[in-house]
Amino acid sequence: MTPAQLTPASFVSYSAPARAFAIEHLVLLQRLPLAVCPSFLQQIQNLHTSFPAEQEALRWQCTALQALPAEKYKQLTAPLSTLALTPALQSMDWVNDPAAFITELTAHLWSSGQLNLFRAAATSLFAAVPPRETTTHRTVFVVLGKDATIDPRKALRKLARNGITLTALKHETAWLDIRSTLQQRATDAPYASWYIDGGPPLPELTNSLLHAIAISYPGLSPLRERVLQRMQSTITSGSGGAEAMRTNLTSTSQQDVAAADITPDPILQRFYTELFTQSSGPQIFSTSFVQWTGRELARRAQPQTLLLRYTPRQAYHDLNELVTTTTPTLDAQGAFRDAEMGAYYNWIEMDRITTKGKLTFVAWIEDHPFAVILSPNAPTATTAATPMPLSEALHNFG
């Protein structure tokens, strides 16, 4: 079957919203090369468990591609149409199981030396989609360094180059200032406000941030442990290496790990499951969990307010020991090094999705008078040594 042969009846097994979306954009799907059409269908299949921002992005993308002039569209898709695909790939049921097709396609493109050609052609195609402008102002707090020994001369250097460093912050009221700021700037829009903690969540935050979705590494431990059990089974089976592990994890659904025990929300069930099945590190390290969750929220939910709190993670050990350890030794210094890099990536990821001049990003070293603010009002690569609470600093620079 080719994309040109798609009809409304092709989507009979899809959920009602997905089927309606596919039929609405059937003309585009029929014109897409086989190498990329299943990627669209996978997103459409998951529409009912996707964040509103993901749904809007997919609709924008499909509408923009469908509106391209015929000659321009033909020029952009020509390299993708000429990729050599095996008969086995072409005969797969890529309409109903696009994920399996994508896995096999990736392996084929790699082994046949066509992967770089595919990436370049796909990049050119999606570059033709104009960016969506948004007026949303995003506010992000990253808290890190709990229980670590800090050298202020070396801390947060990457972030400091892009903002103002506060060296005399009145940190005794910092949590109160963070809470107040998030309360003021949060909206009641679904999935727009989040609080992510690498340790036990702070009650004063979870009880007061009424519009925020609060999740923590300990809070998701039942789901994480079920994923670890599946990883351990792969390790002890002796029947596969890294590729078998990846296949096992990416094929794990929210039903397989009973994500409904964590939340009744199907969107969150899928999101929480994929935090552990489509990543490397969050299954074992709380710092990786916080960094990866921030990354995925920026990519998928595109929050308006976000609080990420890094806490001490377990110390490094052999992989088998990390998977099976039940009483880990905590490493505050190692966690701080991880969190510094994680915070820098969190800023890059949030800046990428935000209209220029609409992001306030604060990194604060917990229980220390040291923070960095990056915003349109914050002079770059500068230092402020005047004692002030975080609320005043945000008023001046945020």
Protein backbone atom coordinates (compact mmCIF):
# COMPACT_ATOMS: atom_id res chain seq x y z
CA MET A 1 0.00 0.00 0.00
CA THR A 2 1.16 3.54 -0.76
CA PRO A 3 0.07 6.81 0.85
CA ALA A 4 -1.77 7.70 -2.36
CA GLN A 5 -4.10 4.74 -1.71
CA LEU A 6 -5.26 6.03 1.67
CA THR A 7 -9.00 6.52 2.08
CA PRO A 8 -11.21 7.52 5.03
CA ALA A 9 -11.77 3.80 5.64
CA SER A 10 -8.03 3.35 6.24
CA PHE A 11 -8.42 4.92 9.70
CA VAL A 12 -11.30 2.85 11.00
CA SER A 13 -9.21 1.52 13.92
CA TYR A 14 -8.17 5.02 15.05
CA SER A 15 -9.83 6.84 17.94
CA ALA A 16 -12.58 9.25 16.95
CA PRO A 17 -10.42 12.43 17.28
CA ALA A 18 -7.52 10.81 15.42
CA ARG A 19 -9.77 9.52 12.65
CA ALA A 20 -11.38 12.93 12.21
CA PHE A 21 -7.96 14.62 12.05
CA ALA A 22 -6.62 12.10 9.52
CA ILE A 23 -9.64 12.52 7.26
CA GLU A 24 -9.43 16.31 7.53
CA HIS A 25 -5.82 16.14 6.30
CA LEU A 26 -6.24 13.20 3.94
CA VAL A 27 -5.06 15.17 0.90
CA LEU A 28 -1.74 15.88 2.60
CA LEU A 29 -1.32 12.30 3.83
CA GLN A 30 -1.95 10.95 0.32
CA ARG A 31 0.80 13.18 -1.08
CA LEU A 32 3.44 12.40 1.55
CA PRO A 33 6.29 10.02 0.64
CA LEU A 34 6.10 6.63 2.37
CA ALA A 35 9.30 7.43 4.27
CA VAL A 36 7.58 10.17 6.28
CA CYS A 37 3.84 9.46 6.15
CA PRO A 38 3.94 6.94 9.07
CA SER A 39 5.57 9.58 11.28
CA PHE A 40 2.53 11.80 10.79
CA LEU A 41 0.19 8.86 11.40
CA GLN A 42 1.95 8.00 14.67
CA GLN A 43 1.34 11.54 15.93
CA ILE A 44 -2.25 11.41 14.76
CA GLN A 45 -2.79 8.05 16.48
CA ASN A 46 -1.55 9.56 19.74
CA LEU A 47 -3.65 12.70 19.40
CA HIS A 48 -6.01 11.81 22.27
CA THR A 49 -3.06 11.42 24.67
CA SER A 50 -1.12 14.47 23.44
CA PHE A 51 -0.85 17.82 25.18
CA PRO A 52 -2.87 20.71 23.70
CA ALA A 53 0.38 22.31 22.52
CA GLU A 54 1.30 19.12 20.64
CA GLN A 55 -2.10 18.98 18.99
CA GLU A 56 -1.85 22.61 17.93
CA ALA A 57 1.68 22.11 16.59
CA LEU A 58 0.64 19.10 14.50
CA ARG A 59 -2.35 20.96 13.06
CA TRP A 60 -0.17 23.97 12.24
CA GLN A 61 2.41 21.74 10.57
CA CYS A 62 -0.13 19.84 8.48
CA THR A 63 -1.95 23.01 7.42
CA ALA A 64 1.31 24.72 6.41
CA LEU A 65 2.54 21.75 4.36
CA GLN A 66 -0.83 21.33 2.69
CA ALA A 67 -0.77 25.01 1.69
CA LEU A 68 2.64 24.85 -0.02
CA PRO A 69 2.59 25.55 -3.76
CA ALA A 70 2.55 22.29 -5.74
CA GLU A 71 5.93 22.88 -7.38
CA LYS A 72 7.60 23.80 -4.08
CA TYR A 73 6.08 20.77 -2.35
CA LYS A 74 7.26 18.47 -5.15
CA GLN A 75 10.78 19.90 -4.95
CA LEU A 76 10.97 19.39 -1.16
CA THR A 77 9.57 15.84 -1.14
CA ALA A 78 11.48 14.56 -4.18
CA PRO A 79 14.55 13.38 -2.19
CA LEU A 80 12.29 11.51 0.25
CA SER A 81 10.37 9.88 -2.59
CA THR A 82 13.58 8.53 -4.15
CA LEU A 83 14.78 6.68 -1.03
CA ALA A 84 15.18 2.97 -1.75
CA LEU A 85 12.84 1.02 0.56
CA THR A 86 12.73 -2.76 0.77
CA PRO A 87 9.64 -4.74 -0.27
CA ALA A 88 9.33 -5.88 3.35
CA LEU A 89 9.03 -2.26 4.49
CA GLN A 90 6.52 -1.41 1.79
CA SER A 91 4.33 -4.38 2.74
CA MET A 92 4.17 -3.53 6.45
CA ASP A 93 0.90 -2.35 7.99
CA TRP A 94 2.27 1.13 8.48
CA VAL A 95 -1.20 2.66 8.75
CA ASN A 96 -2.19 0.78 11.90
CA ASP A 97 1.29 0.26 13.34
CA PRO A 98 3.38 3.25 12.25
CA ALA A 99 5.73 2.90 15.24
CA ALA A 100 6.91 -0.54 14.07
CA PHE A 101 7.45 0.82 10.56
CA ILE A 102 9.52 3.75 11.85
CA THR A 103 11.75 1.40 13.85
CA GLU A 104 12.36 -0.82 10.83
CA LEU A 105 12.82 2.17 8.53
CA THR A 106 15.48 3.67 10.80
CA ALA A 107 17.45 0.40 10.83
CA HIS A 108 17.17 0.11 7.04
CA LEU A 109 18.26 3.69 6.37
CA TRP A 110 21.23 3.21 8.68
CA SER A 111 22.36 -0.08 7.15
CA SER A 112 21.85 1.14 3.57
CA GLY A 113 23.74 4.40 4.07
CA GLN A 114 20.67 6.57 3.40
CA LEU A 115 20.18 8.00 6.89
CA ASN A 116 22.00 11.28 6.26
CA LEU A 117 20.07 11.80 3.03
CA PHE A 118 16.80 11.19 4.87
CA ARG A 119 17.69 13.59 7.67
CA ALA A 120 18.73 16.36 5.29
CA ALA A 121 15.59 15.97 3.17
CA ALA A 122 13.27 15.83 6.21
CA THR A 123 14.95 18.91 7.70
CA SER A 124 14.42 20.84 4.45
CA LEU A 125 10.77 19.80 4.29
CA PHE A 126 9.93 20.89 7.82
CA ALA A 127 11.97 24.08 7.48
CA ALA A 128 9.27 25.17 5.03
CA VAL A 129 6.80 25.30 7.93
CA PRO A 130 6.78 28.87 9.30
CA PRO A 131 7.23 29.21 13.07
CA ARG A 132 4.17 29.93 15.17
CA GLU A 133 4.41 33.27 16.90
CA THR A 134 3.17 33.43 20.47
CA THR A 135 2.82 36.22 22.99
CA THR A 136 3.18 33.86 25.96
CA HIS A 137 5.66 35.04 28.60
CA ARG A 138 7.27 32.03 30.28
CA THR A 139 8.71 32.00 33.79
CA VAL A 140 11.11 29.23 34.83
CA PHE A 141 12.79 28.61 38.17
CA VAL A 142 15.55 26.01 38.53
CA VAL A 143 16.63 25.23 42.08
CA LEU A 144 19.79 23.15 42.57
CA GLY A 145 22.73 22.44 44.85
CA LYS A 146 20.95 21.08 47.93
CA ASP A 147 23.50 19.80 50.51
CA ALA A 148 26.42 20.46 48.13
CA THR A 149 29.54 22.49 48.86
CA ILE A 150 29.50 25.47 46.50
CA ASP A 151 32.34 27.58 45.10
CA PRO A 152 30.58 30.80 43.97
CA ARG A 153 33.50 31.65 41.69
CA LYS A 154 32.80 28.58 39.55
CA ALA A 155 29.07 27.96 39.95
CA LEU A 156 26.61 28.34 37.05
CA ARG A 157 29.26 29.82 34.77
CA LYS A 158 27.49 28.90 31.51
CA LEU A 159 24.27 30.55 32.59
CA ALA A 160 26.12 33.54 34.08
CA ARG A 161 27.46 34.49 30.65
CA ASN A 162 23.90 35.09 29.51
CA GLY A 163 22.43 36.89 32.50
CA ILE A 164 23.07 38.71 35.75
CA THR A 165 24.61 36.92 38.73
CA LEU A 166 23.33 37.79 42.21
CA THR A 167 25.99 37.18 44.84
CA ALA A 168 24.19 38.62 47.89
CA LEU A 169 20.70 37.24 47.50
CA LYS A 170 18.59 37.26 50.67
CA HIS A 171 17.88 33.59 50.28
CA GLU A 172 15.92 33.16 53.51
CA THR A 173 12.76 34.30 51.67
CA ALA A 174 13.63 32.80 48.29
CA TRP A 175 11.07 29.99 48.45
CA LEU A 176 8.34 32.44 49.42
CA ASP A 177 9.32 34.72 46.53
CA ILE A 178 9.33 31.81 44.09
CA ARG A 179 5.90 30.69 45.25
CA SER A 180 4.45 34.19 45.03
CA THR A 181 5.86 34.75 41.55
CA LEU A 182 4.50 31.45 40.25
CA GLN A 183 1.09 32.18 41.77
CA GLN A 184 1.00 35.58 40.06
CA ARG A 185 2.12 34.39 36.65
CA ALA A 186 0.34 31.04 36.41
CA THR A 187 -2.89 30.61 34.49
CA ASP A 188 -5.61 28.00 34.78
CA ALA A 189 -4.98 26.78 31.22
CA PRO A 190 -4.56 22.97 31.20
CA TYR A 191 -0.99 21.68 31.45
CA ALA A 192 0.44 25.23 31.49
CA SER A 193 2.01 25.19 34.99
CA TRP A 194 4.33 22.53 36.44
CA TYR A 195 6.40 21.78 39.53
CA ILE A 196 8.98 19.00 39.12
CA ASP A 197 11.01 17.78 42.13
CA GLY A 198 13.88 15.31 42.22
CA GLY A 199 13.10 14.57 45.87
CA PRO A 200 10.06 14.65 48.12
CA PRO A 201 7.91 17.61 46.97
CA LEU A 202 7.72 20.58 49.30
CA PRO A 203 4.23 20.79 50.89
CA GLU A 204 4.28 24.59 50.96
CA LEU A 205 4.51 24.50 47.17
CA THR A 206 2.18 21.63 46.31
CA ASN A 207 -0.50 23.06 48.60
CA SER A 208 -0.30 26.60 47.24
CA LEU A 209 0.39 26.22 43.50
CA LEU A 210 -3.21 25.34 42.76
CA HIS A 211 -2.92 25.44 38.96
CA ALA A 212 0.37 23.55 38.78
CA ILE A 213 0.81 19.86 38.06
CA ALA A 214 3.24 18.62 40.72
CA ILE A 215 5.26 15.47 40.10
CA SER A 216 8.33 14.09 41.83
CA TYR A 217 10.89 11.35 41.45
CA PRO A 218 9.64 9.57 44.60
CA GLY A 219 6.03 10.11 43.58
CA LEU A 220 6.56 8.27 40.29
CA SER A 221 8.64 5.51 41.91
CA PRO A 222 5.99 2.77 41.43
CA LEU A 223 5.97 3.38 37.69
CA ARG A 224 9.76 3.79 37.55
CA GLU A 225 10.28 0.51 39.43
CA ARG A 226 8.04 -1.35 36.99
CA VAL A 227 10.17 -0.04 34.14
CA LEU A 228 13.33 -1.08 36.01
CA GLN A 229 11.89 -4.58 36.38
CA ARG A 230 11.46 -4.77 32.62
CA MET A 231 15.03 -3.55 32.16
CA GLN A 232 16.30 -6.14 34.64
CA SER A 233 14.45 -8.88 32.77
CA THR A 234 16.20 -7.88 29.55
CA ILE A 235 19.61 -7.84 31.27
CA THR A 236 19.19 -11.25 32.92
CA SER A 237 17.72 -12.89 29.81
CA GLY A 238 21.08 -12.76 28.05
CA SER A 239 19.26 -12.60 24.73
CA GLY A 240 19.99 -9.03 23.76
CA GLY A 241 22.07 -5.95 24.34
CA ALA A 242 21.38 -2.24 24.07
CA GLU A 243 19.16 -2.61 21.00
CA ALA A 244 16.99 -5.23 22.71
CA MET A 245 16.72 -2.96 25.75
CA ARG A 246 15.67 -0.02 23.61
CA THR A 247 13.08 -2.08 21.74
CA ASN A 248 11.67 -3.41 25.00
CA LEU A 249 11.36 0.06 26.51
CA THR A 250 9.96 1.90 23.49
CA SER A 251 7.30 -0.78 23.04
CA THR A 252 6.18 -0.44 26.66
CA SER A 253 2.79 1.24 26.99
CA GLN A 254 1.19 3.01 29.92
CA GLN A 255 -1.02 -0.06 30.38
CA ASP A 256 2.06 -2.31 30.66
CA VAL A 257 3.30 -0.39 33.71
CA ALA A 258 -0.13 0.38 35.21
CA ALA A 259 0.27 4.15 34.88
CA ALA A 260 -3.41 4.52 35.74
CA ASP A 261 -2.40 3.78 39.34
CA ILE A 262 -0.56 7.12 39.32
CA THR A 263 -3.17 9.29 37.60
CA PRO A 264 -6.54 8.89 35.87
CA ASP A 265 -5.51 11.42 33.20
CA PRO A 266 -4.60 9.52 29.98
CA ILE A 267 -2.38 12.36 28.75
CA LEU A 268 -0.33 12.27 31.95
CA GLN A 269 -0.31 8.46 31.96
CA ARG A 270 1.43 8.44 28.60
CA PHE A 271 3.74 11.33 29.50
CA TYR A 272 4.86 9.79 32.79
CA THR A 273 5.46 6.41 31.15
CA GLU A 274 7.55 7.89 28.34
CA LEU A 275 9.70 9.79 30.84
CA PHE A 276 11.14 6.39 31.77
CA THR A 277 10.75 4.37 28.56
CA GLN A 278 12.01 6.84 25.97
CA SER A 279 15.01 8.19 27.82
CA SER A 280 18.35 7.14 29.27
CA GLY A 281 19.06 7.99 32.92
CA PRO A 282 15.75 9.00 34.55
CA GLN A 283 15.13 5.36 35.49
CA ILE A 284 18.13 5.56 37.83
CA PHE A 285 19.16 9.16 38.55
CA SER A 286 16.87 11.85 39.97
CA THR A 287 18.94 14.60 38.31
CA SER A 288 18.42 12.99 34.90
CA PHE A 289 14.72 12.73 35.70
CA VAL A 290 14.43 16.47 36.43
CA GLN A 291 16.48 17.50 33.40
CA TRP A 292 14.67 15.13 31.02
CA THR A 293 11.24 16.11 32.34
CA GLY A 294 12.07 19.78 31.80
CA ARG A 295 13.23 18.97 28.28
CA GLU A 296 10.10 17.01 27.41
CA LEU A 297 7.80 19.64 28.91
CA ALA A 298 9.46 22.32 26.77
CA ARG A 299 9.12 20.16 23.68
CA ARG A 300 5.62 18.82 24.28
CA ALA A 301 3.56 20.82 26.81
CA GLN A 302 5.33 24.19 26.34
CA PRO A 303 4.48 25.42 29.87
CA GLN A 304 3.94 29.01 30.89
CA THR A 305 5.38 28.54 34.40
CA LEU A 306 7.83 25.84 35.41
CA LEU A 307 9.69 25.01 38.62
CA LEU A 308 12.45 22.40 38.44
CA ARG A 309 14.14 21.34 41.67
CA TYR A 310 17.28 19.19 41.52
CA THR A 311 18.15 17.19 44.65
CA PRO A 312 20.99 14.77 45.52
CA ARG A 313 21.02 11.68 43.31
CA GLN A 314 22.40 8.24 43.99
CA ALA A 315 26.13 7.69 43.45
CA TYR A 316 27.45 6.05 40.31
CA HIS A 317 27.92 2.28 40.37
CA ASP A 318 27.97 -0.60 37.92
CA LEU A 319 24.80 -0.61 35.76
CA ASN A 320 23.51 -3.89 37.17
CA GLU A 321 23.93 -2.56 40.71
CA LEU A 322 22.21 0.71 39.81
CA VAL A 323 19.23 -1.17 38.41
CA THR A 324 18.84 -3.40 41.47
CA THR A 325 19.90 -1.10 44.35
CA THR A 326 17.07 -0.35 46.80
CA THR A 327 18.98 1.79 49.33
CA PRO A 328 21.28 4.03 47.27
CA THR A 329 24.09 6.20 48.58
CA LEU A 330 23.43 9.85 47.77
CA ASP A 331 26.00 12.07 46.05
CA ALA A 332 25.24 15.76 46.56
CA GLN A 333 28.38 17.02 44.81
CA GLY A 334 27.87 14.83 41.76
CA ALA A 335 24.23 15.87 41.67
CA PHE A 336 25.22 19.54 41.68
CA ARG A 337 27.54 19.02 38.70
CA ASP A 338 24.74 17.23 36.86
CA ALA A 339 22.25 19.92 37.78
CA GLU A 340 24.48 22.78 36.59
CA MET A 341 24.58 21.26 33.11
CA GLY A 342 20.92 20.28 33.33
CA ALA A 343 19.91 23.85 34.20
CA TYR A 344 21.86 25.16 31.23
CA TYR A 345 20.08 22.74 28.91
CA ASN A 346 16.73 23.64 30.49
CA TRP A 347 17.37 27.29 29.62
CA ILE A 348 18.32 26.44 26.02
CA GLU A 349 15.21 24.31 25.58
CA MET A 350 12.81 26.87 27.03
CA ASP A 351 14.46 29.71 25.10
CA ARG A 352 14.03 27.72 21.87
CA ILE A 353 10.23 27.57 22.18
CA THR A 354 9.73 31.12 23.48
CA THR A 355 9.31 34.27 21.41
CA LYS A 356 12.33 36.52 21.81
CA GLY A 357 12.01 38.72 24.88
CA LYS A 358 9.32 36.59 26.55
CA LEU A 359 11.35 34.35 28.89
CA THR A 360 12.37 34.92 32.51
CA PHE A 361 14.71 32.18 33.71
CA VAL A 362 16.09 31.99 37.26
CA ALA A 363 18.62 29.48 38.60
CA TRP A 364 19.05 29.59 42.38
CA ILE A 365 21.46 27.51 44.46
CA GLU A 366 19.27 26.30 47.30
CA ASP A 367 20.01 27.75 50.75
CA HIS A 368 22.74 29.98 49.30
CA PRO A 369 22.84 33.71 48.47
CA PHE A 370 23.66 32.93 44.85
CA ALA A 371 21.42 33.03 41.78
CA VAL A 372 21.46 33.89 38.08
CA ILE A 373 18.62 35.66 36.24
CA LEU A 374 18.29 35.54 32.47
CA SER A 375 15.63 37.77 30.93
CA PRO A 376 15.23 40.69 28.53
CA ASN A 377 15.76 43.07 31.47
CA ALA A 378 18.89 41.34 32.80
CA PRO A 379 22.25 42.62 31.54
CA THR A 380 24.42 39.76 30.36
CA ALA A 381 27.68 38.69 31.97
CA THR A 382 27.25 41.08 34.89
CA THR A 383 27.25 40.73 38.67
CA ALA A 384 25.07 42.37 41.31
CA ALA A 385 26.54 42.34 44.82
CA THR A 386 23.81 44.47 46.42
CA PRO A 387 21.85 42.50 49.04
CA MET A 388 18.25 42.04 47.90
CA PRO A 389 15.46 39.46 48.13
CA LEU A 390 14.57 37.48 45.04
CA SER A 391 11.31 39.42 44.67
CA GLU A 392 13.24 42.68 44.31
CA ALA A 393 15.72 41.09 41.91
CA LEU A 394 12.86 39.89 39.72
CA HIS A 395 11.30 43.35 39.81
CA ASN A 396 14.62 44.87 38.70
CA PHE A 397 15.81 42.26 36.23
CA GLY A 398 12.96 39.83 35.53
